[in-house]
Amino acid sequence: MRQKACNERTFVEVKMKQGAGFYTGELKSYGIVSDSERNKDFLLVTSAYKKSEESAYVSMDVDSVLLNFADAESMAVIKEKNV
């Protein structure tokens, strides 16, 4: 997702199904497939993970994380200003 201004950061927070934790990062790409297709991959960069809602995010030492919408319970798009 593109940033609108240099002092703004847009990222997503993904809650995984079955208590598999939370991922956050910048949405780099996602598959364009039919709405009826449940298995749609999406790619996060500058990623972090936390096991529970109360935990703190820990940066992941990877270039990117490939997730699938079928495994996600919810996704929030968040804009942060003055970063």
Protein backbone atom coordinates (compact mmCIF):
# COMPACT_ATOMS: atom_id res chain seq x y z
CA MET A 1 0.00 0.00 0.00
CA ARG A 2 1.39 3.37 -0.92
CA GLN A 3 2.09 6.07 1.61
CA LYS A 4 0.28 9.39 1.01
CA ALA A 5 2.89 11.56 2.71
CA CYS A 6 6.47 11.12 3.91
CA ASN A 7 5.40 11.47 7.56
CA GLU A 8 2.74 8.77 7.23
CA ARG A 9 3.04 4.98 7.41
CA THR A 10 0.32 2.59 6.26
CA PHE A 11 0.43 -1.01 7.44
CA VAL A 12 -1.86 -3.95 8.19
CA GLU A 13 -2.48 -5.98 11.32
CA VAL A 14 -3.60 -9.55 10.65
CA LYS A 15 -5.25 -11.73 13.31
CA MET A 16 -4.77 -15.37 12.43
CA LYS A 17 -7.40 -18.08 12.98
CA GLN A 18 -7.25 -20.64 15.81
CA GLY A 19 -5.10 -18.48 18.07
CA ALA A 20 -2.12 -18.58 15.70
CA GLY A 21 -1.11 -15.03 16.66
CA PHE A 22 -0.92 -11.67 14.93
CA TYR A 23 1.24 -10.38 12.09
CA THR A 24 1.85 -6.78 11.16
CA GLY A 25 3.73 -5.19 8.30
CA GLU A 26 3.45 -3.31 5.05
CA LEU A 27 1.23 -5.00 2.47
CA LYS A 28 3.52 -5.48 -0.52
CA SER A 29 1.31 -7.57 -2.82
CA TYR A 30 -1.71 -9.83 -2.96
CA GLY A 31 -3.13 -12.28 -5.47
CA ILE A 32 -5.84 -11.12 -7.84
CA VAL A 33 -8.20 -14.09 -8.08
CA SER A 34 -11.95 -14.69 -8.16
CA ASP A 35 -13.91 -13.66 -5.04
CA SER A 36 -15.09 -17.26 -4.74
CA GLU A 37 -11.49 -18.43 -4.25
CA ARG A 38 -10.73 -18.60 -0.50
CA ASN A 39 -7.00 -19.22 -0.89
CA LYS A 40 -5.55 -15.80 -1.71
CA ASP A 41 -1.95 -15.15 -0.78
CA PHE A 42 -0.67 -11.80 0.40
CA LEU A 43 2.87 -10.65 1.12
CA LEU A 44 3.98 -8.54 4.09
CA VAL A 45 7.35 -6.78 4.34
CA THR A 46 8.89 -5.07 7.38
CA SER A 47 7.01 -7.69 9.39
CA ALA A 48 6.56 -8.41 13.08
CA TYR A 49 4.73 -11.14 15.00
CA LYS A 50 3.10 -11.51 18.41
CA LYS A 51 1.51 -14.62 19.92
CA SER A 52 -1.38 -12.91 21.75
CA GLU A 53 -3.20 -9.58 21.81
CA GLU A 54 -1.44 -8.67 25.08
CA SER A 55 2.05 -9.51 23.79
CA ALA A 56 4.44 -7.04 22.20
CA TYR A 57 5.33 -7.32 18.52
CA VAL A 58 8.78 -8.76 17.79
CA SER A 59 10.43 -7.88 14.47
CA MET A 60 10.97 -10.83 12.19
CA ASP A 61 14.44 -11.30 10.72
CA VAL A 62 13.12 -12.13 7.25
CA ASP A 63 12.68 -10.22 4.00
CA SER A 64 8.95 -10.96 3.79
CA VAL A 65 6.13 -13.15 5.08
CA LEU A 66 3.67 -14.90 2.75
CA LEU A 67 0.25 -15.42 4.36
CA ASN A 68 -3.11 -16.61 3.06
CA PHE A 69 -6.52 -14.99 3.58
CA ALA A 70 -8.01 -18.43 4.32
CA ASP A 71 -5.84 -18.55 7.48
CA ALA A 72 -6.68 -15.00 8.61
CA GLU A 73 -9.56 -14.17 10.92
CA SER A 74 -9.36 -10.41 10.31
CA MET A 75 -7.18 -7.72 8.77
CA ALA A 76 -7.03 -4.07 9.81
CA VAL A 77 -5.46 -1.30 7.72
CA ILE A 78 -3.77 1.26 9.96
CA LYS A 79 -2.36 4.71 9.10
CA GLU A 80 0.19 6.19 11.47
CA LYS A 81 1.18 9.85 11.19
CA ASN A 82 4.39 11.56 12.29
CA VAL A 83 6.68 8.56 11.94
